[in-house]
Amino acid sequence: MKNNTEKGREAEKMAANFLVSKGYEIIANNYRAGKGEIDLIAWDKDVIVFVEVKSRKNTAFGYPEMAVSPQKERLLQATAEAFLTEKNLLHDIRFDIISISGNEIEHFEDAF
């Protein structure tokens, strides 16, 4: 049986493949700064997209995207700022959520 870290990495790989199939270019994964971590960072044309991946086996306990709290959003925004500063990037940015329930993938662009 897979542990949560293995399940999370598997979901992130599915999400990355999904984004690449839509024409995105993955530039980083599991970026960490301070207490924050961003699952995927990608280019969507000329926009840097910070992606939070959430997955669940099924929706019996709610949809995966509902697990992104306002506190988590703030942490992701702070971590994104650290990435942009570290890489000295000045581009338009966006925060997306990829929700995976079983084998179903849903992409929420500009989620917060």
N, C-alpha and C. Protein backbone atom coordinates (compact mmCIF):
# COMPACT_ATOMS: atom_id res chain seq x y z
N MET A 1 0.84 -1.19 0.00
CA MET A 1 0.00 0.00 0.00
C MET A 1 0.88 1.25 0.00
N LYS A 2 0.50 2.22 -0.79
CA LYS A 2 1.28 3.45 -0.91
C LYS A 2 1.02 4.37 0.28
N ASN A 3 2.08 5.06 0.71
CA ASN A 3 1.88 6.05 1.77
C ASN A 3 1.44 7.37 1.13
N ASN A 4 1.10 8.35 1.97
CA ASN A 4 0.57 9.62 1.46
C ASN A 4 1.57 10.36 0.57
N THR A 5 2.86 10.28 0.91
CA THR A 5 3.87 10.96 0.10
C THR A 5 3.91 10.35 -1.30
N GLU A 6 3.89 9.02 -1.37
CA GLU A 6 3.90 8.35 -2.68
C GLU A 6 2.65 8.68 -3.48
N LYS A 7 1.49 8.70 -2.82
CA LYS A 7 0.24 9.06 -3.50
C LYS A 7 0.31 10.49 -4.01
N GLY A 8 0.86 11.38 -3.19
CA GLY A 8 0.99 12.78 -3.59
C GLY A 8 1.89 12.95 -4.79
N ARG A 9 3.03 12.27 -4.79
CA ARG A 9 3.97 12.34 -5.92
C ARG A 9 3.33 11.79 -7.20
N GLU A 10 2.57 10.72 -7.05
CA GLU A 10 1.87 10.14 -8.20
C GLU A 10 0.86 11.13 -8.77
N ALA A 11 0.11 11.79 -7.90
CA ALA A 11 -0.87 12.79 -8.33
C ALA A 11 -0.17 13.96 -9.01
N GLU A 12 0.97 14.39 -8.45
CA GLU A 12 1.71 15.50 -9.06
C GLU A 12 2.23 15.13 -10.44
N LYS A 13 2.65 13.88 -10.62
CA LYS A 13 3.12 13.42 -11.93
C LYS A 13 1.96 13.43 -12.92
N MET A 14 0.78 12.95 -12.48
CA MET A 14 -0.41 12.99 -13.35
C MET A 14 -0.73 14.42 -13.74
N ALA A 15 -0.68 15.32 -12.77
CA ALA A 15 -0.99 16.73 -13.02
C ALA A 15 0.02 17.34 -13.99
N ALA A 16 1.30 17.04 -13.81
CA ALA A 16 2.34 17.57 -14.70
C ALA A 16 2.12 17.08 -16.12
N ASN A 17 1.84 15.79 -16.28
CA ASN A 17 1.58 15.23 -17.61
C ASN A 17 0.35 15.89 -18.25
N PHE A 18 -0.66 16.13 -17.43
CA PHE A 18 -1.88 16.79 -17.90
C PHE A 18 -1.55 18.20 -18.42
N LEU A 19 -0.78 18.96 -17.64
CA LEU A 19 -0.43 20.33 -18.04
C LEU A 19 0.42 20.33 -19.31
N VAL A 20 1.39 19.43 -19.39
CA VAL A 20 2.23 19.35 -20.59
C VAL A 20 1.37 19.05 -21.81
N SER A 21 0.38 18.19 -21.65
CA SER A 21 -0.51 17.85 -22.77
C SER A 21 -1.32 19.06 -23.22
N LYS A 22 -1.49 20.04 -22.31
CA LYS A 22 -2.22 21.27 -22.65
C LYS A 22 -1.27 22.37 -23.15
N GLY A 23 0.03 22.04 -23.27
CA GLY A 23 0.97 23.00 -23.81
C GLY A 23 1.77 23.79 -22.78
N TYR A 24 1.63 23.44 -21.52
CA TYR A 24 2.39 24.11 -20.47
C TYR A 24 3.82 23.55 -20.46
N GLU A 25 4.76 24.36 -19.95
CA GLU A 25 6.13 23.90 -19.75
C GLU A 25 6.41 23.90 -18.25
N ILE A 26 6.68 22.74 -17.68
CA ILE A 26 6.97 22.62 -16.25
C ILE A 26 8.38 23.15 -16.00
N ILE A 27 8.52 24.11 -15.08
CA ILE A 27 9.85 24.66 -14.79
C ILE A 27 10.35 24.29 -13.40
N ALA A 28 9.47 23.83 -12.53
CA ALA A 28 9.90 23.39 -11.20
C ALA A 28 8.80 22.53 -10.58
N ASN A 29 9.22 21.63 -9.69
CA ASN A 29 8.23 20.89 -8.91
C ASN A 29 8.74 20.78 -7.48
N ASN A 30 7.80 20.77 -6.57
CA ASN A 30 8.09 20.69 -5.14
C ASN A 30 9.07 21.78 -4.70
N TYR A 31 8.81 23.01 -5.15
CA TYR A 31 9.64 24.14 -4.75
C TYR A 31 9.33 24.49 -3.30
N ARG A 32 10.37 24.62 -2.49
CA ARG A 32 10.20 24.92 -1.07
C ARG A 32 10.87 26.23 -0.70
N ALA A 33 10.18 26.98 0.15
CA ALA A 33 10.74 28.21 0.73
C ALA A 33 10.05 28.41 2.07
N GLY A 34 10.84 28.54 3.13
CA GLY A 34 10.26 28.69 4.46
C GLY A 34 9.38 27.49 4.77
N LYS A 35 8.15 27.76 5.19
CA LYS A 35 7.22 26.68 5.53
C LYS A 35 6.38 26.24 4.33
N GLY A 36 6.59 26.89 3.19
CA GLY A 36 5.74 26.63 2.04
C GLY A 36 6.35 25.71 1.01
N GLU A 37 5.46 25.08 0.25
CA GLU A 37 5.87 24.24 -0.88
C GLU A 37 4.86 24.42 -2.00
N ILE A 38 5.38 24.57 -3.21
CA ILE A 38 4.52 24.65 -4.39
C ILE A 38 4.72 23.38 -5.18
N ASP A 39 3.63 22.69 -5.47
CA ASP A 39 3.72 21.39 -6.13
C ASP A 39 4.33 21.50 -7.53
N LEU A 40 3.78 22.39 -8.35
CA LEU A 40 4.27 22.56 -9.72
C LEU A 40 4.33 24.03 -10.07
N ILE A 41 5.36 24.40 -10.83
CA ILE A 41 5.45 25.75 -11.38
C ILE A 41 5.66 25.58 -12.87
N ALA A 42 4.86 26.30 -13.65
CA ALA A 42 4.88 26.09 -15.10
C ALA A 42 4.70 27.41 -15.85
N TRP A 43 5.15 27.40 -17.09
CA TRP A 43 4.86 28.49 -18.02
C TRP A 43 3.60 28.13 -18.79
N ASP A 44 2.66 29.06 -18.86
CA ASP A 44 1.51 28.96 -19.76
C ASP A 44 1.63 30.17 -20.67
N LYS A 45 2.26 29.97 -21.81
CA LYS A 45 2.64 31.05 -22.72
C LYS A 45 3.58 32.00 -21.97
N ASP A 46 3.16 33.22 -21.65
CA ASP A 46 4.07 34.16 -20.96
C ASP A 46 3.64 34.40 -19.50
N VAL A 47 2.88 33.48 -18.94
CA VAL A 47 2.41 33.59 -17.56
C VAL A 47 3.04 32.47 -16.73
N ILE A 48 3.56 32.83 -15.55
CA ILE A 48 4.07 31.81 -14.63
C ILE A 48 2.89 31.32 -13.79
N VAL A 49 2.68 30.02 -13.80
CA VAL A 49 1.54 29.43 -13.10
C VAL A 49 2.04 28.60 -11.93
N PHE A 50 1.55 28.92 -10.75
CA PHE A 50 1.84 28.17 -9.53
C PHE A 50 0.66 27.24 -9.29
N VAL A 51 0.95 25.94 -9.23
CA VAL A 51 -0.12 24.94 -9.22
C VAL A 51 -0.11 24.14 -7.92
N GLU A 52 -1.25 24.11 -7.27
CA GLU A 52 -1.47 23.25 -6.10
C GLU A 52 -2.23 22.02 -6.58
N VAL A 53 -1.69 20.85 -6.29
CA VAL A 53 -2.32 19.59 -6.70
C VAL A 53 -2.97 18.96 -5.47
N LYS A 54 -4.24 18.63 -5.59
CA LYS A 54 -4.97 17.96 -4.51
C LYS A 54 -5.61 16.71 -5.08
N SER A 55 -5.49 15.61 -4.35
CA SER A 55 -6.10 14.37 -4.83
C SER A 55 -6.77 13.61 -3.71
N ARG A 56 -7.77 12.85 -4.11
CA ARG A 56 -8.48 11.94 -3.21
C ARG A 56 -8.89 10.72 -4.00
N LYS A 57 -9.03 9.61 -3.30
CA LYS A 57 -9.44 8.36 -3.95
C LYS A 57 -10.83 8.53 -4.56
N ASN A 58 -11.72 9.24 -3.83
CA ASN A 58 -13.06 9.50 -4.33
C ASN A 58 -13.57 10.77 -3.63
N THR A 59 -14.80 11.15 -3.91
CA THR A 59 -15.33 12.40 -3.35
C THR A 59 -16.24 12.18 -2.14
N ALA A 60 -16.14 11.03 -1.50
CA ALA A 60 -16.99 10.72 -0.35
C ALA A 60 -16.83 11.76 0.77
N PHE A 61 -15.64 12.33 0.90
CA PHE A 61 -15.39 13.33 1.94
C PHE A 61 -15.21 14.72 1.35
N GLY A 62 -15.78 14.95 0.17
CA GLY A 62 -15.70 16.25 -0.47
C GLY A 62 -14.71 16.25 -1.63
N TYR A 63 -14.74 17.33 -2.37
CA TYR A 63 -13.88 17.46 -3.53
C TYR A 63 -12.49 17.90 -3.12
N PRO A 64 -11.45 17.38 -3.79
CA PRO A 64 -10.08 17.70 -3.39
C PRO A 64 -9.78 19.20 -3.35
N GLU A 65 -10.29 19.94 -4.33
CA GLU A 65 -10.00 21.39 -4.38
C GLU A 65 -10.51 22.15 -3.17
N MET A 66 -11.48 21.58 -2.46
CA MET A 66 -12.02 22.25 -1.27
C MET A 66 -11.03 22.25 -0.10
N ALA A 67 -9.96 21.46 -0.23
CA ALA A 67 -8.96 21.36 0.84
C ALA A 67 -7.96 22.51 0.80
N VAL A 68 -8.10 23.43 -0.16
CA VAL A 68 -7.19 24.59 -0.22
C VAL A 68 -7.84 25.73 0.57
N SER A 69 -7.37 25.91 1.79
CA SER A 69 -7.93 26.91 2.69
C SER A 69 -7.34 28.30 2.41
N PRO A 70 -7.98 29.35 2.92
CA PRO A 70 -7.40 30.70 2.79
C PRO A 70 -5.98 30.76 3.37
N GLN A 71 -5.73 30.06 4.45
CA GLN A 71 -4.39 30.02 5.04
C GLN A 71 -3.39 29.38 4.06
N LYS A 72 -3.79 28.29 3.42
CA LYS A 72 -2.94 27.62 2.43
C LYS A 72 -2.69 28.54 1.24
N GLU A 73 -3.72 29.28 0.82
CA GLU A 73 -3.56 30.24 -0.28
C GLU A 73 -2.50 31.29 0.07
N ARG A 74 -2.56 31.83 1.29
CA ARG A 74 -1.57 32.83 1.71
C ARG A 74 -0.16 32.25 1.72
N LEU A 75 -0.03 31.03 2.20
CA LEU A 75 1.28 30.37 2.23
C LEU A 75 1.80 30.15 0.80
N LEU A 76 0.94 29.73 -0.10
CA LEU A 76 1.34 29.55 -1.49
C LEU A 76 1.77 30.88 -2.12
N GLN A 77 1.04 31.95 -1.81
CA GLN A 77 1.39 33.26 -2.36
C GLN A 77 2.75 33.73 -1.85
N ALA A 78 3.02 33.51 -0.57
CA ALA A 78 4.32 33.89 0.01
C ALA A 78 5.44 33.06 -0.61
N THR A 79 5.18 31.78 -0.82
CA THR A 79 6.19 30.89 -1.43
C THR A 79 6.44 31.29 -2.88
N ALA A 80 5.39 31.66 -3.58
CA ALA A 80 5.54 32.13 -4.96
C ALA A 80 6.39 33.40 -5.02
N GLU A 81 6.15 34.31 -4.08
CA GLU A 81 6.97 35.54 -4.02
C GLU A 81 8.44 35.19 -3.82
N ALA A 82 8.72 34.22 -2.96
CA ALA A 82 10.10 33.79 -2.73
C ALA A 82 10.71 33.24 -4.01
N PHE A 83 9.95 32.44 -4.76
CA PHE A 83 10.44 31.88 -6.03
C PHE A 83 10.76 32.99 -7.01
N LEU A 84 9.83 33.94 -7.17
CA LEU A 84 10.03 35.03 -8.12
C LEU A 84 11.25 35.88 -7.75
N THR A 85 11.42 36.12 -6.46
CA THR A 85 12.57 36.89 -5.98
C THR A 85 13.87 36.13 -6.22
N GLU A 86 13.86 34.86 -5.85
CA GLU A 86 15.06 34.02 -6.01
C GLU A 86 15.50 33.94 -7.47
N LYS A 87 14.53 33.81 -8.37
CA LYS A 87 14.83 33.65 -9.80
C LYS A 87 14.89 34.99 -10.54
N ASN A 88 14.61 36.08 -9.81
CA ASN A 88 14.61 37.43 -10.38
C ASN A 88 13.69 37.52 -11.60
N LEU A 89 12.45 37.06 -11.41
CA LEU A 89 11.47 37.04 -12.48
C LEU A 89 10.40 38.11 -12.26
N LEU A 90 10.08 38.82 -13.32
CA LEU A 90 8.99 39.79 -13.30
C LEU A 90 8.04 39.43 -14.45
N HIS A 91 7.06 38.62 -14.16
CA HIS A 91 6.09 38.19 -15.17
C HIS A 91 4.71 38.16 -14.53
N ASP A 92 3.70 38.09 -15.39
CA ASP A 92 2.36 37.87 -14.89
C ASP A 92 2.34 36.49 -14.25
N ILE A 93 1.57 36.37 -13.18
CA ILE A 93 1.48 35.09 -12.48
C ILE A 93 0.02 34.70 -12.30
N ARG A 94 -0.18 33.42 -12.01
CA ARG A 94 -1.52 32.90 -11.77
C ARG A 94 -1.41 31.72 -10.81
N PHE A 95 -2.45 31.51 -10.03
CA PHE A 95 -2.51 30.37 -9.12
C PHE A 95 -3.63 29.44 -9.57
N ASP A 96 -3.26 28.20 -9.88
CA ASP A 96 -4.22 27.20 -10.34
C ASP A 96 -4.28 26.06 -9.32
N ILE A 97 -5.38 25.33 -9.36
CA ILE A 97 -5.52 24.10 -8.58
C ILE A 97 -5.83 22.98 -9.57
N ILE A 98 -5.16 21.87 -9.41
CA ILE A 98 -5.52 20.67 -10.14
C ILE A 98 -6.07 19.68 -9.13
N SER A 99 -7.29 19.26 -9.37
CA SER A 99 -8.01 18.36 -8.48
C SER A 99 -8.10 16.99 -9.16
N ILE A 100 -7.67 15.96 -8.42
CA ILE A 100 -7.70 14.60 -8.96
C ILE A 100 -8.55 13.74 -8.03
N SER A 101 -9.64 13.19 -8.60
CA SER A 101 -10.51 12.25 -7.88
C SER A 101 -10.50 10.96 -8.65
N GLY A 102 -9.86 9.94 -8.07
CA GLY A 102 -9.69 8.69 -8.81
C GLY A 102 -8.83 8.96 -10.03
N ASN A 103 -9.39 8.75 -11.22
CA ASN A 103 -8.66 9.03 -12.46
C ASN A 103 -9.17 10.28 -13.17
N GLU A 104 -10.04 11.04 -12.51
CA GLU A 104 -10.62 12.24 -13.10
C GLU A 104 -9.81 13.47 -12.69
N ILE A 105 -9.38 14.25 -13.68
CA ILE A 105 -8.59 15.46 -13.41
C ILE A 105 -9.42 16.68 -13.77
N GLU A 106 -9.45 17.63 -12.85
CA GLU A 106 -10.13 18.90 -13.09
C GLU A 106 -9.13 20.02 -12.86
N HIS A 107 -9.08 20.98 -13.77
CA HIS A 107 -8.11 22.09 -13.71
C HIS A 107 -8.87 23.39 -13.45
N PHE A 108 -8.55 24.03 -12.33
CA PHE A 108 -9.16 25.32 -11.97
C PHE A 108 -8.11 26.40 -12.20
N GLU A 109 -8.25 27.12 -13.33
CA GLU A 109 -7.33 28.20 -13.64
C GLU A 109 -7.71 29.44 -12.83
N ASP A 110 -6.68 30.19 -12.41
CA ASP A 110 -6.88 31.43 -11.65
C ASP A 110 -7.80 31.17 -10.45
N ALA A 111 -7.47 30.14 -9.68
CA ALA A 111 -8.32 29.67 -8.59
C ALA A 111 -8.39 30.64 -7.41
N PHE A 112 -7.34 31.43 -7.21
CA PHE A 112 -7.35 32.42 -6.11
C PHE A 112 -6.36 33.51 -6.39
